PDB file of N, CA and C in Angstrom:
ATOM      1  N   UNK A   1     -17.881 -75.078  41.723  1.00  0.00           N
ATOM      2  CA  UNK A   1     -18.523 -74.777  42.982  1.00  0.00           C
ATOM      3  C   UNK A   1     -20.025 -74.671  42.787  1.00  0.00           C
ATOM      4  N   UNK A   2     -20.745 -75.040  43.786  1.00  0.00           N
ATOM      5  CA  UNK A   2     -22.197 -74.969  43.681  1.00  0.00           C
ATOM      6  C   UNK A   2     -22.785 -73.961  44.659  1.00  0.00           C
ATOM      7  N   UNK A   3     -22.077 -72.892  44.905  1.00  0.00           N
ATOM      8  CA  UNK A   3     -22.585 -71.878  45.812  1.00  0.00           C
ATOM      9  C   UNK A   3     -23.859 -71.262  45.252  1.00  0.00           C
ATOM     10  N   UNK A   4     -24.840 -71.058  46.104  1.00  0.00           N
ATOM     11  CA  UNK A   4     -26.104 -70.407  45.777  1.00  0.00           C
ATOM     12  C   UNK A   4     -26.863 -71.113  44.660  1.00  0.00           C
ATOM     13  N   UNK A   5     -26.779 -72.418  44.619  1.00  0.00           N
ATOM     14  CA  UNK A   5     -27.488 -73.182  43.614  1.00  0.00           C
ATOM     15  C   UNK A   5     -28.773 -73.797  44.159  1.00  0.00           C
ATOM     16  N   UNK A   6     -29.079 -73.581  45.434  1.00  0.00           N
ATOM     17  CA  UNK A   6     -30.261 -74.179  46.028  1.00  0.00           C
ATOM     18  C   UNK A   6     -31.533 -73.529  45.523  1.00  0.00           C
ATOM     19  N   UNK A   7     -32.670 -74.198  45.718  1.00  0.00           N
ATOM     20  CA  UNK A   7     -33.959 -73.645  45.343  1.00  0.00           C
ATOM     21  C   UNK A   7     -34.786 -73.449  46.600  1.00  0.00           C
ATOM     22  N   UNK A   8     -35.768 -72.589  46.514  1.00  0.00           N
ATOM     23  CA  UNK A   8     -36.688 -72.380  47.619  1.00  0.00           C
ATOM     24  C   UNK A   8     -37.723 -73.498  47.610  1.00  0.00           C
ATOM     25  N   UNK A   9     -37.822 -74.204  48.727  1.00  0.00           N
ATOM     26  CA  UNK A   9     -38.709 -75.361  48.778  1.00  0.00           C
ATOM     27  C   UNK A   9     -40.142 -75.008  49.120  1.00  0.00           C
ATOM     28  N   UNK A  10     -40.381 -73.824  49.662  1.00  0.00           N
ATOM     29  CA  UNK A  10     -41.725 -73.319  49.930  1.00  0.00           C
ATOM     30  C   UNK A  10     -42.548 -74.249  50.814  1.00  0.00           C
ATOM     31  N   UNK A  11     -41.898 -74.986  51.680  1.00  0.00           N
ATOM     32  CA  UNK A  11     -42.546 -75.901  52.634  1.00  0.00           C
ATOM     33  C   UNK A  11     -43.425 -76.931  51.953  1.00  0.00           C
ATOM     34  N   UNK A  12     -42.996 -77.426  50.810  1.00  0.00           N
ATOM     35  CA  UNK A  12     -43.773 -78.418  50.070  1.00  0.00           C
ATOM     36  C   UNK A  12     -42.843 -79.490  49.530  1.00  0.00           C
ATOM     37  N   UNK A  13     -43.409 -80.669  49.327  1.00  0.00           N
ATOM     38  CA  UNK A  13     -42.660 -81.733  48.671  1.00  0.00           C
ATOM     39  C   UNK A  13     -42.494 -81.367  47.191  1.00  0.00           C
ATOM     40  N   UNK A  14     -41.566 -82.003  46.516  1.00  0.00           N
ATOM     41  CA  UNK A  14     -41.243 -81.628  45.141  1.00  0.00           C
ATOM     42  C   UNK A  14     -42.433 -81.698  44.191  1.00  0.00           C
ATOM     43  N   UNK A  15     -43.225 -82.785  44.169  1.00  0.00           N
ATOM     44  CA  UNK A  15     -44.364 -82.794  43.226  1.00  0.00           C
ATOM     45  C   UNK A  15     -45.395 -81.715  43.533  1.00  0.00           C
ATOM     46  N   UNK A  16     -45.632 -81.451  44.814  1.00  0.00           N
ATOM     47  CA  UNK A  16     -46.584 -80.404  45.188  1.00  0.00           C
ATOM     48  C   UNK A  16     -46.074 -79.033  44.771  1.00  0.00           C
ATOM     49  N   UNK A  17     -44.785 -78.807  44.998  1.00  0.00           N
ATOM     50  CA  UNK A  17     -44.181 -77.514  44.646  1.00  0.00           C
ATOM     51  C   UNK A  17     -44.226 -77.296  43.138  1.00  0.00           C
ATOM     52  N   UNK A  18     -43.905 -78.327  42.371  1.00  0.00           N
ATOM     53  CA  UNK A  18     -43.914 -78.187  40.919  1.00  0.00           C
ATOM     54  C   UNK A  18     -45.332 -77.943  40.400  1.00  0.00           C
ATOM     55  N   UNK A  19     -46.320 -78.616  40.980  1.00  0.00           N
ATOM     56  CA  UNK A  19     -47.712 -78.413  40.572  1.00  0.00           C
ATOM     57  C   UNK A  19     -48.173 -76.999  40.911  1.00  0.00           C
ATOM     58  N   UNK A  20     -47.781 -76.504  42.076  1.00  0.00           N
ATOM     59  CA  UNK A  20     -48.157 -75.148  42.466  1.00  0.00           C
ATOM     60  C   UNK A  20     -47.533 -74.119  41.539  1.00  0.00           C
ATOM     61  N   UNK A  21     -46.241 -74.285  41.243  1.00  0.00           N
ATOM     62  CA  UNK A  21     -45.570 -73.341  40.346  1.00  0.00           C
ATOM     63  C   UNK A  21     -46.166 -73.405  38.941  1.00  0.00           C
ATOM     64  N   UNK A  22     -46.534 -74.608  38.506  1.00  0.00           N
ATOM     65  CA  UNK A  22     -47.150 -74.759  37.188  1.00  0.00           C
ATOM     66  C   UNK A  22     -48.475 -74.026  37.126  1.00  0.00           C
ATOM     67  N   UNK A  23     -49.308 -74.192  38.145  1.00  0.00           N
ATOM     68  CA  UNK A  23     -50.626 -73.554  38.116  1.00  0.00           C
ATOM     69  C   UNK A  23     -50.515 -72.037  38.250  1.00  0.00           C
ATOM     70  N   UNK A  24     -49.589 -71.550  39.074  1.00  0.00           N
ATOM     71  CA  UNK A  24     -49.406 -70.105  39.185  1.00  0.00           C
ATOM     72  C   UNK A  24     -48.865 -69.512  37.887  1.00  0.00           C
ATOM     73  N   UNK A  25     -47.981 -70.236  37.223  1.00  0.00           N
ATOM     74  CA  UNK A  25     -47.444 -69.761  35.951  1.00  0.00           C
ATOM     75  C   UNK A  25     -48.528 -69.737  34.880  1.00  0.00           C
ATOM     76  N   UNK A  26     -49.376 -70.761  34.848  1.00  0.00           N
ATOM     77  CA  UNK A  26     -50.495 -70.770  33.906  1.00  0.00           C
ATOM     78  C   UNK A  26     -51.407 -69.577  34.140  1.00  0.00           C
ATOM     79  N   UNK A  27     -51.710 -69.304  35.403  1.00  0.00           N
ATOM     80  CA  UNK A  27     -52.579 -68.175  35.724  1.00  0.00           C
ATOM     81  C   UNK A  27     -51.935 -66.845  35.332  1.00  0.00           C
ATOM     82  N   UNK A  28     -50.640 -66.742  35.530  1.00  0.00           N
ATOM     83  CA  UNK A  28     -49.936 -65.510  35.160  1.00  0.00           C
ATOM     84  C   UNK A  28     -50.047 -65.255  33.670  1.00  0.00           C
ATOM     85  N   UNK A  29     -49.836 -66.274  32.856  1.00  0.00           N
ATOM     86  CA  UNK A  29     -49.885 -66.086  31.416  1.00  0.00           C
ATOM     87  C   UNK A  29     -51.311 -65.989  30.891  1.00  0.00           C
ATOM     88  N   UNK A  30     -52.251 -66.562  31.603  1.00  0.00           N
ATOM     89  CA  UNK A  30     -53.641 -66.492  31.168  1.00  0.00           C
ATOM     90  C   UNK A  30     -54.243 -65.117  31.475  1.00  0.00           C
ATOM     91  N   UNK A  31     -53.946 -64.579  32.669  1.00  0.00           N
ATOM     92  CA  UNK A  31     -54.576 -63.339  33.105  1.00  0.00           C
ATOM     93  C   UNK A  31     -53.661 -62.123  33.029  1.00  0.00           C
ATOM     94  N   UNK A  32     -52.365 -62.334  32.919  1.00  0.00           N
ATOM     95  CA  UNK A  32     -51.442 -61.210  32.829  1.00  0.00           C
ATOM     96  C   UNK A  32     -50.912 -60.740  34.168  1.00  0.00           C
ATOM     97  N   UNK A  33     -51.630 -61.063  35.252  1.00  0.00           N
ATOM     98  CA  UNK A  33     -51.173 -60.693  36.590  1.00  0.00           C
ATOM     99  C   UNK A  33     -51.837 -61.599  37.614  1.00  0.00           C
ATOM    100  N   UNK A  34     -51.145 -61.813  38.731  1.00  0.00           N
ATOM    101  CA  UNK A  34     -51.686 -62.628  39.816  1.00  0.00           C
ATOM    102  C   UNK A  34     -51.285 -62.013  41.148  1.00  0.00           C
ATOM    103  N   UNK A  35     -52.078 -62.283  42.167  1.00  0.00           N
ATOM    104  CA  UNK A  35     -51.734 -61.908  43.538  1.00  0.00           C
ATOM    105  C   UNK A  35     -51.309 -63.164  44.267  1.00  0.00           C
ATOM    106  N   UNK A  36     -50.171 -63.102  44.932  1.00  0.00           N
ATOM    107  CA  UNK A  36     -49.652 -64.247  45.663  1.00  0.00           C
ATOM    108  C   UNK A  36     -48.723 -63.730  46.750  1.00  0.00           C
ATOM    109  N   UNK A  37     -48.124 -64.647  47.502  1.00  0.00           N
ATOM    110  CA  UNK A  37     -47.184 -64.232  48.532  1.00  0.00           C
ATOM    111  C   UNK A  37     -45.840 -63.886  47.886  1.00  0.00           C
ATOM    112  N   UNK A  38     -44.995 -63.207  48.629  1.00  0.00           N
ATOM    113  CA  UNK A  38     -43.721 -62.735  48.099  1.00  0.00           C
ATOM    114  C   UNK A  38     -42.828 -63.884  47.665  1.00  0.00           C
ATOM    115  N   UNK A  39     -42.709 -64.912  48.489  1.00  0.00           N
ATOM    116  CA  UNK A  39     -41.801 -66.006  48.166  1.00  0.00           C
ATOM    117  C   UNK A  39     -42.300 -66.830  46.986  1.00  0.00           C
ATOM    118  N   UNK A  40     -43.606 -67.054  46.926  1.00  0.00           N
ATOM    119  CA  UNK A  40     -44.155 -67.761  45.776  1.00  0.00           C
ATOM    120  C   UNK A  40     -44.012 -66.918  44.515  1.00  0.00           C
ATOM    121  N   UNK A  41     -44.211 -65.631  44.650  1.00  0.00           N
ATOM    122  CA  UNK A  41     -44.066 -64.736  43.501  1.00  0.00           C
ATOM    123  C   UNK A  41     -42.658 -64.737  42.942  1.00  0.00           C
ATOM    124  N   UNK A  42     -41.670 -64.767  43.820  1.00  0.00           N
ATOM    125  CA  UNK A  42     -40.281 -64.808  43.351  1.00  0.00           C
ATOM    126  C   UNK A  42     -39.975 -66.117  42.639  1.00  0.00           C
ATOM    127  N   UNK A  43     -40.541 -67.215  43.148  1.00  0.00           N
ATOM    128  CA  UNK A  43     -40.319 -68.507  42.500  1.00  0.00           C
ATOM    129  C   UNK A  43     -40.995 -68.553  41.135  1.00  0.00           C
ATOM    130  N   UNK A  44     -42.208 -68.017  41.039  1.00  0.00           N
ATOM    131  CA  UNK A  44     -42.929 -68.001  39.768  1.00  0.00           C
ATOM    132  C   UNK A  44     -42.238 -67.072  38.776  1.00  0.00           C
ATOM    133  N   UNK A  45     -41.705 -65.972  39.263  1.00  0.00           N
ATOM    134  CA  UNK A  45     -40.999 -65.040  38.383  1.00  0.00           C
ATOM    135  C   UNK A  45     -39.817 -65.718  37.712  1.00  0.00           C
ATOM    136  N   UNK A  46     -39.109 -66.513  38.464  1.00  0.00           N
ATOM    137  CA  UNK A  46     -37.955 -67.224  37.932  1.00  0.00           C
ATOM    138  C   UNK A  46     -38.372 -68.195  36.822  1.00  0.00           C
ATOM    139  N   UNK A  47     -39.467 -68.922  37.049  1.00  0.00           N
ATOM    140  CA  UNK A  47     -39.957 -69.870  36.047  1.00  0.00           C
ATOM    141  C   UNK A  47     -40.474 -69.126  34.815  1.00  0.00           C
ATOM    142  N   UNK A  48     -41.249 -68.074  35.029  1.00  0.00           N
ATOM    143  CA  UNK A  48     -41.871 -67.350  33.927  1.00  0.00           C
ATOM    144  C   UNK A  48     -40.827 -66.692  33.024  1.00  0.00           C
ATOM    145  N   UNK A  49     -39.788 -66.141  33.618  1.00  0.00           N
ATOM    146  CA  UNK A  49     -38.775 -65.469  32.802  1.00  0.00           C
ATOM    147  C   UNK A  49     -38.009 -66.466  31.940  1.00  0.00           C
ATOM    148  N   UNK A  50     -37.738 -67.656  32.455  1.00  0.00           N
ATOM    149  CA  UNK A  50     -37.059 -68.652  31.624  1.00  0.00           C
ATOM    150  C   UNK A  50     -37.961 -69.130  30.497  1.00  0.00           C
ATOM    151  N   UNK A  51     -39.275 -69.248  30.758  1.00  0.00           N
ATOM    152  CA  UNK A  51     -40.198 -69.671  29.714  1.00  0.00           C
ATOM    153  C   UNK A  51     -40.328 -68.613  28.624  1.00  0.00           C
ATOM    154  N   UNK A  52     -40.368 -67.349  28.991  1.00  0.00           N
ATOM    155  CA  UNK A  52     -40.468 -66.283  27.995  1.00  0.00           C
ATOM    156  C   UNK A  52     -39.198 -66.218  27.151  1.00  0.00           C
ATOM    157  N   UNK A  53     -38.053 -66.403  27.799  1.00  0.00           N
ATOM    158  CA  UNK A  53     -36.798 -66.411  27.051  1.00  0.00           C
ATOM    159  C   UNK A  53     -36.780 -67.551  26.043  1.00  0.00           C
ATOM    160  N   UNK A  54     -37.281 -68.710  26.433  1.00  0.00           N
ATOM    161  CA  UNK A  54     -37.350 -69.835  25.500  1.00  0.00           C
ATOM    162  C   UNK A  54     -38.363 -69.555  24.398  1.00  0.00           C
ATOM    163  N   UNK A  55     -39.469 -68.924  24.733  1.00  0.00           N
ATOM    164  CA  UNK A  55     -40.520 -68.655  23.748  1.00  0.00           C
ATOM    165  C   UNK A  55     -40.094 -67.611  22.728  1.00  0.00           C
ATOM    166  N   UNK A  56     -39.174 -66.753  23.070  1.00  0.00           N
ATOM    167  CA  UNK A  56     -38.716 -65.741  22.127  1.00  0.00           C
ATOM    168  C   UNK A  56     -38.003 -66.361  20.935  1.00  0.00           C
ATOM    169  N   UNK A  57     -37.426 -67.552  21.117  1.00  0.00           N
ATOM    170  CA  UNK A  57     -36.790 -68.225  19.985  1.00  0.00           C
ATOM    171  C   UNK A  57     -37.823 -68.673  18.958  1.00  0.00           C
ATOM    172  N   UNK A  58     -38.966 -69.176  19.448  1.00  0.00           N
ATOM    173  CA  UNK A  58     -40.087 -69.472  18.571  1.00  0.00           C
ATOM    174  C   UNK A  58     -40.013 -70.765  17.788  1.00  0.00           C
ATOM    175  N   UNK A  59     -39.042 -71.624  18.025  1.00  0.00           N
ATOM    176  CA  UNK A  59     -38.959 -72.862  17.268  1.00  0.00           C
ATOM    177  C   UNK A  59     -39.715 -73.984  17.982  1.00  0.00           C
ATOM    178  N   UNK A  60     -39.742 -75.138  17.345  1.00  0.00           N
ATOM    179  CA  UNK A  60     -40.523 -76.259  17.856  1.00  0.00           C
ATOM    180  C   UNK A  60     -39.969 -76.795  19.170  1.00  0.00           C
ATOM    181  N   UNK A  61     -38.657 -76.856  19.300  1.00  0.00           N
ATOM    182  CA  UNK A  61     -38.083 -77.387  20.535  1.00  0.00           C
ATOM    183  C   UNK A  61     -38.391 -76.478  21.721  1.00  0.00           C
ATOM    184  N   UNK A  62     -38.383 -75.166  21.514  1.00  0.00           N
ATOM    185  CA  UNK A  62     -38.727 -74.270  22.615  1.00  0.00           C
ATOM    186  C   UNK A  62     -40.210 -74.374  22.957  1.00  0.00           C
ATOM    187  N   UNK A  63     -41.044 -74.596  21.946  1.00  0.00           N
ATOM    188  CA  UNK A  63     -42.481 -74.784  22.218  1.00  0.00           C
ATOM    189  C   UNK A  63     -42.705 -76.041  23.049  1.00  0.00           C
ATOM    190  N   UNK A  64     -41.963 -77.096  22.753  1.00  0.00           N
ATOM    191  CA  UNK A  64     -42.092 -78.334  23.530  1.00  0.00           C
ATOM    192  C   UNK A  64     -41.557 -78.153  24.941  1.00  0.00           C
ATOM    193  N   UNK A  65     -40.485 -77.380  25.094  1.00  0.00           N
ATOM    194  CA  UNK A  65     -39.936 -77.114  26.420  1.00  0.00           C
ATOM    195  C   UNK A  65     -40.935 -76.341  27.272  1.00  0.00           C
ATOM    196  N   UNK A  66     -41.560 -75.320  26.680  1.00  0.00           N
ATOM    197  CA  UNK A  66     -42.555 -74.528  27.409  1.00  0.00           C
ATOM    198  C   UNK A  66     -43.755 -75.394  27.763  1.00  0.00           C
ATOM    199  N   UNK A  67     -44.200 -76.240  26.832  1.00  0.00           N
ATOM    200  CA  UNK A  67     -45.358 -77.093  27.108  1.00  0.00           C
ATOM    201  C   UNK A  67     -45.057 -78.109  28.199  1.00  0.00           C
ATOM    202  N   UNK A  68     -43.801 -78.548  28.307  1.00  0.00           N
ATOM    203  CA  UNK A  68     -43.453 -79.508  29.359  1.00  0.00           C
ATOM    204  C   UNK A  68     -43.545 -78.871  30.742  1.00  0.00           C
ATOM    205  N   UNK A  69     -43.407 -77.559  30.821  1.00  0.00           N
ATOM    206  CA  UNK A  69     -43.505 -76.868  32.111  1.00  0.00           C
ATOM    207  C   UNK A  69     -44.909 -76.388  32.419  1.00  0.00           C
ATOM    208  N   UNK A  70     -45.709 -76.074  31.387  1.00  0.00           N
ATOM    209  CA  UNK A  70     -46.995 -75.416  31.617  1.00  0.00           C
ATOM    210  C   UNK A  70     -48.186 -76.360  31.486  1.00  0.00           C
ATOM    211  N   UNK A  71     -48.189 -77.303  30.544  1.00  0.00           N
ATOM    212  CA  UNK A  71     -49.244 -78.311  30.362  1.00  0.00           C
ATOM    213  C   UNK A  71     -50.600 -77.717  29.994  1.00  0.00           C
ATOM    214  N   UNK A  72     -50.634 -76.593  29.311  1.00  0.00           N
ATOM    215  CA  UNK A  72     -51.896 -75.997  28.877  1.00  0.00           C
ATOM    216  C   UNK A  72     -51.676 -75.367  27.506  1.00  0.00           C
ATOM    217  N   UNK A  73     -52.368 -75.898  26.488  1.00  0.00           N
ATOM    218  CA  UNK A  73     -52.126 -75.441  25.122  1.00  0.00           C
ATOM    219  C   UNK A  73     -52.479 -73.972  24.938  1.00  0.00           C
ATOM    220  N   UNK A  74     -53.560 -73.532  25.571  1.00  0.00           N
ATOM    221  CA  UNK A  74     -53.949 -72.123  25.461  1.00  0.00           C
ATOM    222  C   UNK A  74     -52.917 -71.192  26.074  1.00  0.00           C
ATOM    223  N   UNK A  75     -52.370 -71.594  27.221  1.00  0.00           N
ATOM    224  CA  UNK A  75     -51.356 -70.768  27.873  1.00  0.00           C
ATOM    225  C   UNK A  75     -50.066 -70.741  27.054  1.00  0.00           C
ATOM    226  N   UNK A  76     -49.709 -71.876  26.440  1.00  0.00           N
ATOM    227  CA  UNK A  76     -48.498 -71.918  25.619  1.00  0.00           C
ATOM    228  C   UNK A  76     -48.655 -71.006  24.410  1.00  0.00           C
ATOM    229  N   UNK A  77     -49.817 -71.050  23.782  1.00  0.00           N
ATOM    230  CA  UNK A  77     -50.075 -70.171  22.640  1.00  0.00           C
ATOM    231  C   UNK A  77     -49.982 -68.707  23.067  1.00  0.00           C
ATOM    232  N   UNK A  78     -50.527 -68.408  24.230  1.00  0.00           N
ATOM    233  CA  UNK A  78     -50.482 -67.044  24.760  1.00  0.00           C
ATOM    234  C   UNK A  78     -49.050 -66.608  25.055  1.00  0.00           C
ATOM    235  N   UNK A  79     -48.239 -67.511  25.600  1.00  0.00           N
ATOM    236  CA  UNK A  79     -46.843 -67.191  25.903  1.00  0.00           C
ATOM    237  C   UNK A  79     -46.099 -66.827  24.627  1.00  0.00           C
ATOM    238  N   UNK A  80     -46.296 -67.580  23.574  1.00  0.00           N
ATOM    239  CA  UNK A  80     -45.583 -67.316  22.325  1.00  0.00           C
ATOM    240  C   UNK A  80     -46.055 -66.024  21.670  1.00  0.00           C
ATOM    241  N   UNK A  81     -47.346 -65.690  21.769  1.00  0.00           N
ATOM    242  CA  UNK A  81     -47.832 -64.420  21.237  1.00  0.00           C
ATOM    243  C   UNK A  81     -47.269 -63.248  22.037  1.00  0.00           C
ATOM    244  N   UNK A  82     -47.288 -63.375  23.358  1.00  0.00           N
ATOM    245  CA  UNK A  82     -46.766 -62.315  24.217  1.00  0.00           C
ATOM    246  C   UNK A  82     -45.280 -62.101  23.971  1.00  0.00           C
ATOM    247  N   UNK A  83     -44.536 -63.195  23.839  1.00  0.00           N
ATOM    248  CA  UNK A  83     -43.088 -63.090  23.667  1.00  0.00           C
ATOM    249  C   UNK A  83     -42.747 -62.366  22.375  1.00  0.00           C
ATOM    250  N   UNK A  84     -43.497 -62.626  21.314  1.00  0.00           N
ATOM    251  CA  UNK A  84     -43.209 -61.962  20.043  1.00  0.00           C
ATOM    252  C   UNK A  84     -43.601 -60.494  20.067  1.00  0.00           C
ATOM    253  N   UNK A  85     -44.764 -60.196  20.625  1.00  0.00           N
ATOM    254  CA  UNK A  85     -45.272 -58.825  20.569  1.00  0.00           C
ATOM    255  C   UNK A  85     -44.585 -57.896  21.571  1.00  0.00           C
ATOM    256  N   UNK A  86     -44.620 -58.266  22.833  1.00  0.00           N
ATOM    257  CA  UNK A  86     -44.188 -57.349  23.886  1.00  0.00           C
ATOM    258  C   UNK A  86     -42.694 -57.313  24.124  1.00  0.00           C
ATOM    259  N   UNK A  87     -42.041 -58.465  24.029  1.00  0.00           N
ATOM    260  CA  UNK A  87     -40.668 -58.569  24.517  1.00  0.00           C
ATOM    261  C   UNK A  87     -39.646 -58.732  23.407  1.00  0.00           C
ATOM    262  N   UNK A  88     -39.930 -58.167  22.245  1.00  0.00           N
ATOM    263  CA  UNK A  88     -39.035 -58.343  21.111  1.00  0.00           C
ATOM    264  C   UNK A  88     -37.655 -57.739  21.369  1.00  0.00           C
ATOM    265  N   UNK A  89     -37.597 -56.495  21.816  1.00  0.00           N
ATOM    266  CA  UNK A  89     -36.310 -55.830  22.005  1.00  0.00           C
ATOM    267  C   UNK A  89     -35.769 -55.913  23.419  1.00  0.00           C
ATOM    268  N   UNK A  90     -36.447 -56.632  24.282  1.00  0.00           N
ATOM    269  CA  UNK A  90     -36.063 -56.700  25.692  1.00  0.00           C
ATOM    270  C   UNK A  90     -35.269 -57.972  25.947  1.00  0.00           C
ATOM    271  N   UNK A  91     -34.168 -57.844  26.672  1.00  0.00           N
ATOM    272  CA  UNK A  91     -33.317 -59.011  26.903  1.00  0.00           C
ATOM    273  C   UNK A  91     -33.556 -59.660  28.264  1.00  0.00           C
ATOM    274  N   UNK A  92     -34.456 -59.144  29.052  1.00  0.00           N
ATOM    275  CA  UNK A  92     -34.763 -59.727  30.351  1.00  0.00           C
ATOM    276  C   UNK A  92     -35.686 -58.805  31.120  1.00  0.00           C
ATOM    277  N   UNK A  93     -36.081 -59.215  32.314  1.00  0.00           N
ATOM    278  CA  UNK A  93     -36.954 -58.385  33.135  1.00  0.00           C
ATOM    279  C   UNK A  93     -38.356 -58.295  32.565  1.00  0.00           C
ATOM    280  N   UNK A  94     -38.974 -59.437  32.322  1.00  0.00           N
ATOM    281  CA  UNK A  94     -40.285 -59.472  31.692  1.00  0.00           C
ATOM    282  C   UNK A  94     -41.425 -59.342  32.694  1.00  0.00           C
ATOM    283  N   UNK A  95     -41.144 -59.492  33.975  1.00  0.00           N
ATOM    284  CA  UNK A  95     -42.186 -59.435  34.999  1.00  0.00           C
ATOM    285  C   UNK A  95     -41.828 -58.390  36.047  1.00  0.00           C
ATOM    286  N   UNK A  96     -42.842 -57.970  36.783  1.00  0.00           N
ATOM    287  CA  UNK A  96     -42.655 -56.994  37.850  1.00  0.00           C
ATOM    288  C   UNK A  96     -43.367 -57.474  39.091  1.00  0.00           C
ATOM    289  N   UNK A  97     -42.711 -57.336  40.241  1.00  0.00           N
ATOM    290  CA  UNK A  97     -43.319 -57.662  41.526  1.00  0.00           C
ATOM    291  C   UNK A  97     -43.575 -56.360  42.268  1.00  0.00           C
ATOM    292  N   UNK A  98     -44.843 -56.121  42.608  1.00  0.00           N
ATOM    293  CA  UNK A  98     -45.236 -54.936  43.359  1.00  0.00           C
ATOM    294  C   UNK A  98     -45.784 -55.382  44.705  1.00  0.00           C
ATOM    295  N   UNK A  99     -45.214 -54.889  45.776  1.00  0.00           N
ATOM    296  CA  UNK A  99     -45.678 -55.276  47.109  1.00  0.00           C
ATOM    297  C   UNK A  99     -46.965 -54.534  47.436  1.00  0.00           C
ATOM    298  N   UNK A 100     -47.962 -55.282  47.925  1.00  0.00           N
ATOM    299  CA  UNK A 100     -49.266 -54.689  48.181  1.00  0.00           C
ATOM    300  C   UNK A 100     -49.528 -54.468  49.667  1.00  0.00           C
ATOM    301  N   UNK A 101     -49.562 -55.544  50.448  1.00  0.00           N
ATOM    302  CA  UNK A 101     -49.942 -55.449  51.864  1.00  0.00           C
ATOM    303  C   UNK A 101     -49.493 -56.712  52.567  1.00  0.00           C
ATOM    304  N   UNK A 102     -49.822 -56.797  53.828  1.00  0.00           N
ATOM    305  CA  UNK A 102     -49.577 -58.028  54.581  1.00  0.00           C
ATOM    306  C   UNK A 102     -50.910 -58.719  54.823  1.00  0.00           C
ATOM    307  N   UNK A 103     -50.906 -60.027  54.727  1.00  0.00           N
ATOM    308  CA  UNK A 103     -52.112 -60.808  54.963  1.00  0.00           C
ATOM    309  C   UNK A 103     -52.423 -60.797  56.442  1.00  0.00           C
ATOM    310  N   UNK A 104     -53.704 -60.775  56.757  1.00  0.00           N
ATOM    311  CA  UNK A 104     -54.124 -60.596  58.144  1.00  0.00           C
ATOM    312  C   UNK A 104     -53.799 -61.769  59.046  1.00  0.00           C
ATOM    313  N   UNK A 105     -54.017 -62.971  58.601  1.00  0.00           N
ATOM    314  CA  UNK A 105     -53.889 -64.127  59.475  1.00  0.00           C
ATOM    315  C   UNK A 105     -52.464 -64.431  59.877  1.00  0.00           C
ATOM    316  N   UNK A 106     -51.556 -64.481  58.897  1.00  0.00           N
ATOM    317  CA  UNK A 106     -50.189 -64.874  59.203  1.00  0.00           C
ATOM    318  C   UNK A 106     -49.162 -63.803  58.850  1.00  0.00           C
ATOM    319  N   UNK A 107     -49.627 -62.633  58.452  1.00  0.00           N
ATOM    320  CA  UNK A 107     -48.772 -61.487  58.125  1.00  0.00           C
ATOM    321  C   UNK A 107     -47.819 -61.787  56.967  1.00  0.00           C
ATOM    322  N   UNK A 108     -48.224 -62.681  56.072  1.00  0.00           N
ATOM    323  CA  UNK A 108     -47.419 -62.939  54.877  1.00  0.00           C
ATOM    324  C   UNK A 108     -47.569 -61.753  53.928  1.00  0.00           C
ATOM    325  N   UNK A 109     -46.492 -61.389  53.279  1.00  0.00           N
ATOM    326  CA  UNK A 109     -46.516 -60.250  52.395  1.00  0.00           C
ATOM    327  C   UNK A 109     -47.141 -60.639  51.057  1.00  0.00           C
ATOM    328  N   UNK A 110     -48.197 -59.932  50.665  1.00  0.00           N
ATOM    329  CA  UNK A 110     -48.907 -60.186  49.425  1.00  0.00           C
ATOM    330  C   UNK A 110     -48.350 -59.254  48.346  1.00  0.00           C
ATOM    331  N   UNK A 111     -48.102 -59.839  47.164  1.00  0.00           N
ATOM    332  CA  UNK A 111     -47.540 -59.063  46.056  1.00  0.00           C
ATOM    333  C   UNK A 111     -48.400 -59.243  44.810  1.00  0.00           C
ATOM    334  N   UNK A 112     -48.240 -58.325  43.888  1.00  0.00           N
ATOM    335  CA  UNK A 112     -48.850 -58.417  42.573  1.00  0.00           C
ATOM    336  C   UNK A 112     -47.735 -58.722  41.585  1.00  0.00           C
ATOM    337  N   UNK A 113     -47.827 -59.873  40.945  1.00  0.00           N
ATOM    338  CA  UNK A 113     -46.847 -60.286  39.931  1.00  0.00           C
ATOM    339  C   UNK A 113     -47.517 -60.075  38.576  1.00  0.00           C
ATOM    340  N   UNK A 114     -46.918 -59.247  37.720  1.00  0.00           N
ATOM    341  CA  UNK A 114     -47.526 -58.933  36.443  1.00  0.00           C
ATOM    342  C   UNK A 114     -46.506 -58.948  35.332  1.00  0.00           C
ATOM    343  N   UNK A 115     -46.991 -59.223  34.133  1.00  0.00           N
ATOM    344  CA  UNK A 115     -46.153 -59.159  32.952  1.00  0.00           C
ATOM    345  C   UNK A 115     -46.050 -57.705  32.516  1.00  0.00           C
ATOM    346  N   UNK A 116     -44.894 -57.304  32.048  1.00  0.00           N
ATOM    347  CA  UNK A 116     -44.715 -55.919  31.605  1.00  0.00           C
ATOM    348  C   UNK A 116     -45.225 -55.736  30.199  1.00  0.00           C
TER     349      UNK A 116
END
């Protein structure tokens, strides 16, 4: 059965959505936290947690998998350092979403997505 296997399309075509998620994920790993909308934050959280889980293994194939999603050597290096230092004994839940406010123009909920 394929119940609940759909993805959130975020009102974008597939290449646009993938580019947006890639850039938000790069920013998350580069700065440690980002402000974005709730739905985008949930999508980025899903991507970031899978990348950290892969980075915890630390082998070459996981490094190539992470690089295929992120496309930034500095961010990949940062992901592998973070995964070893911070998340050694943790089996999941590497990010936190904190709700901040609603945006004025369209009342979209703004959140802070940060690495723990």
